[in-house]
Amino acid sequence: MAAEQDGKITRRAVLPGTAPLFLPRSVLGGKGYQAPSDTLRIAAVGVGGMGRRYLEACETERIVALCDVDHGFAARVFKRYPQARVYRDFRLMFEKEEKNIDAVIIATPDHTHAVVLMTALRLRKHVYCAKPLTHTLYENRMVAKAAREAGVATQMSVQSAASEAAQGTAELLLSNVIGPVHEVHVWCDHPLYPASVQRPEECPPVPEGLDWDLWLGPAPYRPYHPAYHPWTWRAWWDFGTGTVGDMACHALHVFFEALQLGAPTSVHGSRVKIHRGLFRMSPEGREFIPPVVDTPETESCATLVTWDFPARGSHPPLRVHWYDGGLRPPRPVELDPRRSLPASGLLFVGTKGKLLTGFSGGKELLLPEKEFRDFVRPPKTLPRSIGHYREWLLAAKGGKPAACNFELGTRLTEIALLGTLAARTARYLEWDSERLTITNDREANLLVNPPYRAGWTL
C-alpha cells in the first residue's frame, strides 16, 4: 500500500506495476472523522448567554479560546470546553490568539458587537455574529465595508434564513399568486424582557467575576445594576435596540429578496407611554400609585413602526407595518371566523389576494380561501440549506457564502435599526441611505452615529 506523507504519495512507496491506493479521510479516521487540516479553530466572545448555543452548534470544530466579561455567568461554558483558553477582554484575546484562530463567534450585547466585529474583520477572521449586527446605523455601514474588504466568511444569527418554511414562502411571493404586493404587516409577541421601566436609582455592588467597565464598553457610563445584566439589557437604548431591532431581521429575510427591497425612504413610529398604575393597601386604606407616562431610556411595552419603500422595478411602492407587545394588525375580512391570527406572523397584501403566514415563513394561507382552493404550489426553485451553522462553517473552509452573510445581514440590519430609531423617537423620519442621514430631524440624526465613551473607538 502506498505511504502518505504530508498529504502526498511518496514515489518510493509505490510498487512497480501498481497504482497507488487512495482512501478518503473518513475511512482513515473512522466514521465522522474530520481531519485536523479541515477543522476550524474557533474563538468566541460573549459566551454566557446566546453564545453558548452558537458554540454548541459548532462543536465539529476546535473551540480554542473563550472570552466573557462575566466569568461567573460564563462558568458553565468554560467548563464545557476545558481545552479552550479563557479571557475577559476581547482585545487581549485577539492579541494573544491572532495566529491560533481562524473564526470568531460574537454574542455580546448589541452595543459591543461593532467593536469586536471590526477587530475580527481587520484581522481577516471568519465571523458569526448575533443579530442585529450593530447597535447604530453608522457602525452597520462600517461593518459592511470592512466585511467586503476582508473577504471572509460571515453569517448573522437569523437561523430561519436556512429554513424550508422561509424559502417556501419566498417562492409563493415570487410566483405572483397574490399579485404585486403593496403592503406587509409584521407582528411579534415580544418583548420577553422588562420594558417601559425607569432608570434604577440603587447602586448594588458589582458581582464577583464581572468586569463592569468592560461590559459597558463604548456605551455611556451607568452604575452596575441587575436591571441591565444579565439578559435584561435589550430594552435599554444604551445597550440594546428594542424588540424591533432584535426581531425584525427574523421576518424581513423572508421577503427582502423576493420583493426586491432596498433601503426605505422614511420610517415612523409610536409607542405606549403609560406603563404602570396600581392600587395597594396602606394603613390609611387603598392607595393608587399613578402611572409613569414616559420612559425615554427604554423601549415601551408595545410599539408600532411603519417603513415606506419606493417602487422597485415591477414592484409598486411598499409599506411595511411592524407591531409588537401583543399588538396585531386588523384581522383580514377574508379570514374564516373560526381561524385565529397567529401570535406572531406576516400578512402580505397584493392586488389579487392576501398571504397569511408565520413570522419566519411557513404555514401559509391564501385569502380569500375559496378563490385559491385549486392553487398548486410553485416548484422549489430556491436553494435549500445544509443547515444555518454548517453554511457558515463550510463557507469558512472555502465553500459558497452563507445565506445570511453580512452582505444581506447589513441591509436587513439597516431597516431594523431605522425601526429602532422610529420606536425610540416616536416621530416621522426621512432617510437618505446613500448619505447615511436622517434629513428632516436633526435630533434623531444624532442617533445615527452617537459618540463613544472615552477610550473606545471603532
Protein backbone atom coordinates (compact mmCIF):
# COMPACT_ATOMS: atom_id res chain seq x y z
CA MET A 1 0.00 0.00 0.00
CA ALA A 2 1.26 3.48 -0.72
CA ALA A 3 2.54 5.54 2.18
CA GLU A 4 1.14 9.03 2.81
CA GLN A 5 3.44 11.86 3.79
CA ASP A 6 2.26 15.48 4.22
CA GLY A 7 -0.80 14.72 2.12
CA LYS A 8 1.24 13.33 -0.87
CA ILE A 9 2.10 9.87 -2.08
CA THR A 10 5.84 9.22 -1.91
CA ARG A 11 7.46 7.83 -5.07
CA ARG A 12 9.33 5.09 -3.25
CA ALA A 13 6.15 3.74 -1.68
CA VAL A 14 4.53 2.82 -4.99
CA LEU A 15 5.45 -0.63 -6.20
CA PRO A 16 6.32 -1.09 -9.87
CA GLY A 17 3.33 -2.04 -11.94
CA THR A 18 0.81 -1.00 -9.30
CA ALA A 19 -1.32 2.09 -8.86
CA PRO A 20 -1.41 3.98 -5.56
CA LEU A 21 -4.46 3.31 -3.45
CA PHE A 22 -6.21 6.47 -2.24
CA LEU A 23 -8.53 6.24 0.72
CA PRO A 24 -10.89 9.01 1.85
CA ARG A 25 -10.13 10.68 5.16
CA SER A 26 -13.40 9.35 6.58
CA VAL A 27 -12.11 5.80 6.07
CA LEU A 28 -8.70 6.55 7.51
CA GLY A 29 -10.15 8.11 10.62
CA GLY A 30 -13.39 6.21 11.01
CA LYS A 31 -16.98 7.33 10.65
CA GLY A 32 -17.47 11.04 11.23
CA TYR A 33 -13.74 11.70 11.20
CA GLN A 34 -12.71 15.25 10.31
CA ALA A 35 -9.03 15.80 9.66
CA PRO A 36 -7.27 18.49 11.71
CA SER A 37 -6.44 20.30 8.48
CA ASP A 38 -10.19 20.52 7.75
CA THR A 39 -11.09 21.74 11.22
CA LEU A 40 -11.58 25.41 12.10
CA ARG A 41 -10.06 26.90 15.23
CA ILE A 42 -12.87 28.96 16.74
CA ALA A 43 -12.85 31.68 19.39
CA ALA A 44 -15.99 33.17 20.90
CA VAL A 45 -16.73 36.49 22.59
CA GLY A 46 -19.75 36.71 24.90
CA VAL A 47 -20.39 33.08 25.75
CA GLY A 48 -22.57 33.15 28.86
CA GLY A 49 -25.86 33.77 27.04
CA MET A 50 -26.72 33.01 23.41
CA GLY A 51 -23.06 32.40 22.66
CA ARG A 52 -23.39 29.08 24.44
CA ARG A 53 -25.93 27.88 21.86
CA TYR A 54 -23.85 29.11 18.95
CA LEU A 55 -20.83 27.23 20.26
CA GLU A 56 -22.79 24.01 20.72
CA ALA A 57 -23.80 24.20 17.05
CA CYS A 58 -20.13 24.45 16.01
CA GLU A 59 -18.68 21.62 18.08
CA THR A 60 -17.50 19.80 14.97
CA GLU A 61 -14.65 22.31 15.08
CA ARG A 62 -11.99 23.13 17.70
CA ILE A 63 -13.03 25.65 20.33
CA VAL A 64 -9.69 27.21 21.22
CA ALA A 65 -10.49 30.46 23.07
CA LEU A 66 -13.42 31.84 25.06
CA CYS A 67 -13.94 35.43 26.18
CA ASP A 68 -16.57 36.86 28.51
CA VAL A 69 -16.52 39.90 30.80
CA ASP A 70 -18.55 37.95 33.40
CA HIS A 71 -16.68 34.81 34.39
CA GLY A 72 -19.38 33.84 36.86
CA PHE A 73 -22.12 33.98 34.22
CA ALA A 74 -19.96 32.11 31.71
CA ALA A 75 -18.55 29.50 34.12
CA ARG A 76 -20.63 26.58 32.81
CA VAL A 77 -19.45 27.30 29.26
CA PHE A 78 -15.81 27.45 30.33
CA LYS A 79 -16.34 24.09 31.99
CA ARG A 80 -17.80 22.57 28.81
CA TYR A 81 -14.67 23.46 26.81
CA PRO A 82 -11.78 22.85 29.22
CA GLN A 83 -9.24 22.87 26.39
CA ALA A 84 -10.10 26.49 25.45
CA ARG A 85 -8.03 29.35 26.81
CA VAL A 86 -10.14 31.84 28.77
CA TYR A 87 -10.12 35.64 28.53
CA ARG A 88 -12.09 38.58 29.90
CA ASP A 89 -11.03 41.31 27.41
CA PHE A 90 -11.54 40.53 23.72
CA ARG A 91 -8.69 42.84 22.78
CA LEU A 92 -6.24 40.78 24.77
CA MET A 93 -7.68 37.60 23.30
CA PHE A 94 -7.05 38.80 19.75
CA GLU A 95 -3.56 39.97 20.68
CA LYS A 96 -2.63 36.61 22.18
CA GLU A 97 -4.57 34.32 19.84
CA GLU A 98 -4.38 36.04 16.45
CA LYS A 99 -2.29 33.24 14.90
CA ASN A 100 -4.23 30.48 16.66
CA ILE A 101 -7.78 31.25 15.50
CA ASP A 102 -9.50 31.03 12.12
CA ALA A 103 -13.00 32.15 13.04
CA VAL A 104 -14.85 34.13 15.71
CA ILE A 105 -18.35 33.87 17.19
CA ILE A 106 -19.70 37.14 18.62
CA ALA A 107 -22.66 37.03 21.01
CA THR A 108 -22.18 40.08 23.22
CA PRO A 109 -24.98 42.63 23.84
CA ASP A 110 -25.77 44.82 20.81
CA HIS A 111 -23.72 47.81 21.96
CA THR A 112 -20.42 45.92 21.76
CA HIS A 113 -20.98 43.97 18.54
CA ALA A 114 -19.26 46.52 16.29
CA VAL A 115 -16.05 46.98 18.27
CA VAL A 116 -15.49 43.22 18.35
CA LEU A 117 -16.61 42.75 14.74
CA MET A 118 -14.28 45.39 13.36
CA THR A 119 -11.31 43.91 15.20
CA ALA A 120 -12.07 40.42 13.85
CA LEU A 121 -12.64 41.65 10.29
CA ARG A 122 -9.43 43.69 10.24
CA LEU A 123 -7.60 40.53 11.26
CA ARG A 124 -9.44 38.71 8.44
CA LYS A 125 -11.12 36.18 10.68
CA HIS A 126 -14.31 34.47 9.59
CA VAL A 127 -17.18 35.84 11.69
CA TYR A 128 -20.53 34.65 13.01
CA CYS A 129 -22.42 37.42 14.82
CA ALA A 130 -25.70 37.75 16.68
CA LYS A 131 -28.38 39.98 15.15
CA PRO A 132 -28.73 42.85 14.73
CA LEU A 133 -25.16 43.15 13.54
CA THR A 134 -24.61 46.51 15.21
CA HIS A 135 -26.09 48.98 17.67
CA THR A 136 -26.06 52.02 15.36
CA LEU A 137 -26.54 52.74 11.67
CA TYR A 138 -23.05 54.18 11.33
CA GLU A 139 -21.49 51.05 12.82
CA ASN A 140 -23.55 48.95 10.42
CA ARG A 141 -22.22 50.82 7.40
CA MET A 142 -18.63 50.48 8.63
CA VAL A 143 -19.06 46.74 9.23
CA ALA A 144 -20.49 46.27 5.72
CA LYS A 145 -17.45 47.97 4.21
CA ALA A 146 -14.97 46.09 6.40
CA ALA A 147 -16.58 42.71 5.59
CA ARG A 148 -16.30 43.33 1.84
CA GLU A 149 -12.66 44.31 2.20
CA ALA A 150 -11.83 41.33 4.41
CA GLY A 151 -13.35 38.80 2.02
CA VAL A 152 -14.03 36.32 4.83
CA ALA A 153 -16.98 34.03 5.52
CA THR A 154 -19.72 35.76 7.52
CA GLN A 155 -23.13 34.88 8.91
CA MET A 156 -25.72 36.75 11.00
CA SER A 157 -27.75 34.75 13.51
CA VAL A 158 -31.04 34.56 11.59
CA GLN A 159 -31.38 30.81 11.87
CA SER A 160 -34.69 30.73 10.00
CA ALA A 161 -32.95 32.04 6.86
CA ALA A 162 -31.91 28.42 6.37
CA SER A 163 -35.42 27.04 6.82
CA GLU A 164 -37.66 25.27 4.33
CA ALA A 165 -40.53 27.45 5.58
CA ALA A 166 -38.86 30.72 4.65
CA GLN A 167 -37.89 29.51 1.18
CA GLY A 168 -41.38 28.17 0.55
CA THR A 169 -42.99 31.50 1.44
CA ALA A 170 -40.50 33.37 -0.76
CA GLU A 171 -41.38 31.07 -3.68
CA LEU A 172 -45.07 31.87 -3.22
CA LEU A 173 -44.29 35.59 -3.39
CA LEU A 174 -42.12 35.09 -6.46
CA SER A 175 -44.96 33.18 -8.16
CA ASN A 176 -47.04 36.38 -8.09
CA VAL A 177 -50.03 34.37 -6.89
CA ILE A 178 -51.43 37.36 -4.94
CA GLY A 179 -50.23 39.92 -7.50
CA PRO A 180 -47.87 42.81 -6.80
CA VAL A 181 -47.52 43.30 -3.05
CA HIS A 182 -48.07 46.85 -1.80
CA GLU A 183 -48.42 46.24 1.93
CA VAL A 184 -46.89 43.89 4.51
CA HIS A 185 -47.87 43.53 8.17
CA VAL A 186 -45.36 42.00 10.59
CA TRP A 187 -46.24 41.30 14.21
CA CYS A 188 -44.25 39.82 17.08
CA ASP A 189 -45.41 38.91 20.58
CA HIS A 190 -42.16 40.10 22.21
CA PRO A 191 -40.72 41.78 24.32
CA LEU A 192 -39.87 38.86 26.55
CA TYR A 193 -37.92 41.07 28.99
CA PRO A 194 -38.82 44.08 31.17
CA ALA A 195 -39.67 47.16 29.11
CA SER A 196 -41.10 50.61 29.87
CA VAL A 197 -39.05 50.81 33.04
CA GLN A 198 -37.36 53.67 34.84
CA ARG A 199 -33.64 54.08 35.36
CA PRO A 200 -32.77 52.32 38.66
CA GLU A 201 -31.55 54.55 41.49
CA GLU A 202 -29.84 51.87 43.60
CA CYS A 203 -26.14 51.07 43.17
CA PRO A 204 -25.64 47.47 44.29
CA PRO A 205 -22.11 46.01 44.35
CA VAL A 206 -20.73 44.53 41.13
CA PRO A 207 -20.88 40.71 41.28
CA GLU A 208 -17.60 38.89 41.70
CA GLY A 209 -16.14 37.88 38.36
CA LEU A 210 -17.79 40.68 36.37
CA ASP A 211 -15.71 43.49 34.85
CA TRP A 212 -18.45 46.11 34.65
CA ASP A 213 -16.36 48.72 32.84
CA LEU A 214 -15.59 46.21 30.08
CA TRP A 215 -19.26 45.20 29.90
CA LEU A 216 -20.18 48.86 29.30
CA GLY A 217 -17.58 49.18 26.56
CA PRO A 218 -18.37 52.19 24.32
CA ALA A 219 -21.77 52.85 25.96
CA PRO A 220 -22.37 55.77 28.36
CA TYR A 221 -21.29 55.04 31.91
CA ARG A 222 -24.04 53.65 34.15
CA PRO A 223 -23.52 52.19 37.62
CA TYR A 224 -23.94 48.43 37.68
CA HIS A 225 -27.46 47.14 38.26
CA PRO A 226 -29.12 43.77 37.53
CA ALA A 227 -31.70 45.75 35.53
CA TYR A 228 -29.05 45.66 32.77
CA HIS A 229 -27.22 42.37 33.10
CA PRO A 230 -27.66 39.51 32.51
CA TRP A 231 -30.39 39.07 29.87
CA THR A 232 -32.23 42.34 30.63
CA TRP A 233 -30.15 44.80 28.61
CA ARG A 234 -32.08 44.66 25.36
CA ALA A 235 -34.82 47.17 26.24
CA TRP A 236 -32.31 49.86 27.25
CA TRP A 237 -31.36 52.15 24.37
CA ASP A 238 -27.84 52.46 25.82
CA PHE A 239 -27.22 48.77 25.18
CA GLY A 240 -29.96 47.26 23.02
CA THR A 241 -32.16 48.02 20.03
CA GLY A 242 -35.56 47.02 21.42
CA THR A 243 -37.89 44.40 20.04
CA VAL A 244 -37.91 45.77 16.50
CA GLY A 245 -34.09 45.81 16.38
CA ASP A 246 -33.92 42.38 17.93
CA MET A 247 -36.58 40.58 15.92
CA ALA A 248 -37.22 42.41 12.63
CA CYS A 249 -34.40 40.64 10.78
CA HIS A 250 -36.10 37.30 11.51
CA ALA A 251 -39.11 38.38 9.45
CA LEU A 252 -37.51 40.70 6.88
CA HIS A 253 -35.32 37.99 5.37
CA VAL A 254 -38.43 36.06 4.30
CA PHE A 255 -39.44 38.69 1.75
CA PHE A 256 -36.45 41.03 1.38
CA GLU A 257 -35.12 39.47 -1.81
CA ALA A 258 -38.43 38.19 -3.17
CA LEU A 259 -39.85 41.73 -3.11
CA GLN A 260 -36.51 43.26 -4.16
CA LEU A 261 -36.29 45.57 -1.19
CA GLY A 262 -33.58 48.14 -0.71
CA ALA A 263 -33.45 50.90 1.87
CA PRO A 264 -36.68 52.64 2.90
CA THR A 265 -37.17 56.34 2.23
CA SER A 266 -38.96 57.01 5.51
CA VAL A 267 -39.99 55.40 8.77
CA HIS A 268 -42.28 56.47 11.58
CA GLY A 269 -43.20 55.02 14.90
CA SER A 270 -45.32 55.32 18.02
CA ARG A 271 -45.12 53.70 21.41
CA VAL A 272 -47.13 53.02 24.53
CA LYS A 273 -46.30 55.66 27.13
CA ILE A 274 -48.18 54.57 30.25
CA HIS A 275 -46.55 51.52 31.74
CA ARG A 276 -47.97 51.03 35.22
CA GLY A 277 -50.56 52.19 37.66
CA LEU A 278 -51.76 50.13 40.60
CA PHE A 279 -53.63 50.07 43.87
CA ARG A 280 -52.00 48.95 47.10
CA MET A 281 -53.27 48.70 50.64
CA SER A 282 -51.87 51.03 53.27
CA PRO A 283 -52.89 51.64 56.92
CA GLU A 284 -54.97 54.57 55.68
CA GLY A 285 -56.77 52.43 53.12
CA ARG A 286 -56.42 51.84 49.43
CA GLU A 287 -53.78 53.99 47.73
CA PHE A 288 -53.31 54.49 43.99
CA ILE A 289 -49.80 54.73 42.59
CA PRO A 290 -50.03 56.87 39.44
CA PRO A 291 -48.60 55.57 36.19
CA VAL A 292 -45.31 56.73 34.75
CA VAL A 293 -46.24 58.41 31.49
CA ASP A 294 -42.98 58.19 29.56
CA THR A 295 -39.84 56.06 29.64
CA PRO A 296 -37.39 57.66 27.22
CA GLU A 297 -34.47 55.43 28.19
CA THR A 298 -36.07 52.10 27.27
CA GLU A 299 -38.38 50.72 24.65
CA SER A 300 -42.05 50.65 25.56
CA CYS A 301 -44.18 47.61 26.25
CA ALA A 302 -45.72 47.90 22.77
CA THR A 303 -44.59 49.62 19.58
CA LEU A 304 -45.86 50.41 16.09
CA VAL A 305 -43.40 51.13 13.27
CA THR A 306 -44.00 51.74 9.57
CA TRP A 307 -41.37 51.79 6.82
CA ASP A 308 -42.06 53.16 3.32
CA PHE A 309 -40.14 51.73 0.35
CA PRO A 310 -40.18 53.24 -3.14
CA ALA A 311 -41.20 51.39 -6.31
CA ARG A 312 -38.61 48.80 -7.38
CA GLY A 313 -38.67 47.54 -10.97
CA SER A 314 -42.05 45.87 -11.45
CA HIS A 315 -42.86 46.20 -7.73
CA PRO A 316 -45.07 49.09 -6.59
CA PRO A 317 -44.26 51.27 -3.56
CA LEU A 318 -44.43 49.17 -0.43
CA ARG A 319 -45.46 49.99 3.11
CA VAL A 320 -44.30 47.59 5.86
CA HIS A 321 -46.02 47.78 9.28
CA TRP A 322 -44.49 46.42 12.49
CA TYR A 323 -46.44 45.58 15.68
CA ASP A 324 -45.07 44.19 18.95
CA GLY A 325 -46.02 43.82 22.60
CA GLY A 326 -49.16 41.83 21.75
CA LEU A 327 -50.46 44.29 19.16
CA ARG A 328 -51.59 42.81 15.85
CA PRO A 329 -52.85 44.19 12.54
CA PRO A 330 -56.58 44.45 11.80
CA ARG A 331 -57.98 40.99 11.18
CA PRO A 332 -58.35 40.36 7.41
CA VAL A 333 -62.03 40.44 6.49
CA GLU A 334 -61.44 37.39 4.28
CA LEU A 335 -60.24 35.24 7.19
CA ASP A 336 -62.60 32.50 8.29
CA PRO A 337 -64.13 33.47 11.70
CA ARG A 338 -63.08 30.10 13.05
CA ARG A 339 -59.42 30.86 12.40
CA SER A 340 -57.24 33.00 14.65
CA LEU A 341 -54.32 35.22 13.77
CA PRO A 342 -51.06 33.67 14.97
CA ALA A 343 -49.35 35.25 17.99
CA SER A 344 -46.57 36.35 15.61
CA GLY A 345 -46.92 36.42 11.85
CA LEU A 346 -46.77 38.00 8.42
CA LEU A 347 -49.60 39.25 6.22
CA PHE A 348 -48.86 40.19 2.61
CA VAL A 349 -51.44 42.31 0.77
CA GLY A 350 -51.37 42.07 -3.01
CA THR A 351 -53.62 43.23 -5.83
CA LYS A 352 -55.08 39.72 -6.31
CA GLY A 353 -55.28 38.49 -2.73
CA LYS A 354 -53.51 38.13 0.59
CA LEU A 355 -51.00 35.71 2.06
CA LEU A 356 -51.01 34.94 5.78
CA THR A 357 -48.02 33.05 7.14
CA GLY A 358 -45.81 32.51 10.16
CA PHE A 359 -43.37 35.10 11.46
CA SER A 360 -40.45 33.39 9.71
CA GLY A 361 -42.45 31.90 6.86
CA GLY A 362 -44.36 28.64 6.51
CA LYS A 363 -47.95 27.53 7.30
CA GLU A 364 -49.21 29.78 4.51
CA LEU A 365 -52.86 30.60 3.96
CA LEU A 366 -54.00 32.32 0.76
CA LEU A 367 -57.00 34.63 1.11
CA PRO A 368 -59.83 34.54 0.16
CA GLU A 369 -59.57 30.79 0.63
CA LYS A 370 -62.31 29.89 -1.86
CA GLU A 371 -60.53 31.71 -4.67
CA PHE A 372 -57.29 29.80 -4.11
CA ARG A 373 -58.81 26.38 -3.39
CA ASP A 374 -57.33 24.88 -6.57
CA PHE A 375 -53.99 26.67 -6.37
CA VAL A 376 -50.96 24.45 -6.92
CA ARG A 377 -47.77 25.43 -5.13
CA PRO A 378 -44.94 26.57 -7.39
CA PRO A 379 -41.95 24.25 -7.84
CA LYS A 380 -38.99 24.55 -5.49
CA THR A 381 -36.70 26.90 -7.36
CA LEU A 382 -34.79 28.49 -4.47
CA PRO A 383 -31.77 26.69 -2.99
CA ARG A 384 -32.26 24.72 0.21
CA SER A 385 -29.87 24.97 3.12
CA ILE A 386 -27.48 22.39 4.51
CA GLY A 387 -28.05 23.99 7.93
CA HIS A 388 -27.61 27.51 9.25
CA TYR A 389 -24.38 26.95 11.19
CA ARG A 390 -22.99 24.43 8.73
CA GLU A 391 -23.38 27.01 5.95
CA TRP A 392 -21.00 29.32 7.77
CA LEU A 393 -18.53 26.60 8.71
CA LEU A 394 -18.28 25.35 5.12
CA ALA A 395 -18.06 28.91 3.78
CA ALA A 396 -15.09 29.45 6.08
CA LYS A 397 -13.49 26.36 4.52
CA GLY A 398 -13.85 27.75 1.02
CA GLY A 399 -17.47 26.93 0.22
CA LYS A 400 -20.17 29.24 -1.09
CA PRO A 401 -21.32 32.22 1.04
CA ALA A 402 -23.80 31.55 3.83
CA ALA A 403 -27.42 32.55 3.26
CA CYS A 404 -27.46 35.40 5.79
CA ASN A 405 -23.93 36.65 5.20
CA PHE A 406 -23.10 40.26 6.03
CA GLU A 407 -23.92 41.50 2.53
CA LEU A 408 -27.54 40.66 3.26
CA GLY A 409 -27.25 40.97 7.02
CA THR A 410 -26.17 44.61 6.99
CA ARG A 411 -29.06 45.52 4.68
CA LEU A 412 -31.56 43.82 7.00
CA THR A 413 -29.90 45.50 9.98
CA GLU A 414 -30.24 48.94 8.38
CA ILE A 415 -34.01 48.52 8.15
CA ALA A 416 -34.25 47.09 11.67
CA LEU A 417 -32.19 49.93 13.20
CA LEU A 418 -34.28 52.55 11.42
CA GLY A 419 -37.23 50.88 13.11
CA THR A 420 -35.40 51.22 16.42
CA LEU A 421 -34.95 54.98 15.88
CA ALA A 422 -38.62 55.36 14.98
CA ALA A 423 -39.66 53.41 18.08
CA ARG A 424 -37.28 55.44 20.22
CA THR A 425 -38.24 58.89 18.93
CA ALA A 426 -41.90 58.18 18.07
CA ARG A 427 -41.53 60.52 15.11
CA TYR A 428 -41.59 60.56 11.32
CA LEU A 429 -38.06 60.25 9.92
CA GLU A 430 -36.95 60.71 6.31
CA TRP A 431 -33.95 58.56 5.40
CA ASP A 432 -31.19 59.12 2.86
CA SER A 433 -29.39 55.78 2.84
CA GLU A 434 -26.64 56.85 0.47
CA ARG A 435 -25.66 59.76 2.72
CA LEU A 436 -26.46 57.80 5.92
CA THR A 437 -28.55 60.73 7.11
CA ILE A 438 -31.97 61.44 8.59
CA THR A 439 -32.76 64.55 6.61
CA ASN A 440 -35.72 66.03 8.45
CA ASP A 441 -34.88 65.62 12.15
CA ARG A 442 -31.57 66.89 13.48
CA GLU A 443 -32.05 65.40 16.94
CA ALA A 444 -32.82 61.94 15.58
CA ASN A 445 -29.90 62.21 13.16
CA LEU A 446 -27.53 62.46 16.13
CA LEU A 447 -28.53 58.88 16.98
CA VAL A 448 -27.22 57.59 13.64
CA ASN A 449 -23.67 57.90 15.00
CA PRO A 450 -23.70 58.77 18.71
CA PRO A 451 -20.33 59.33 20.39
CA TYR A 452 -18.50 56.51 22.12
CA ARG A 453 -17.42 56.66 25.74
CA ALA A 454 -13.87 57.93 26.20
CA GLY A 455 -11.26 55.28 25.49
CA TRP A 456 -13.30 53.44 22.85
CA THR A 457 -13.13 53.76 19.06
CA LEU A 458 -14.46 51.81 16.13
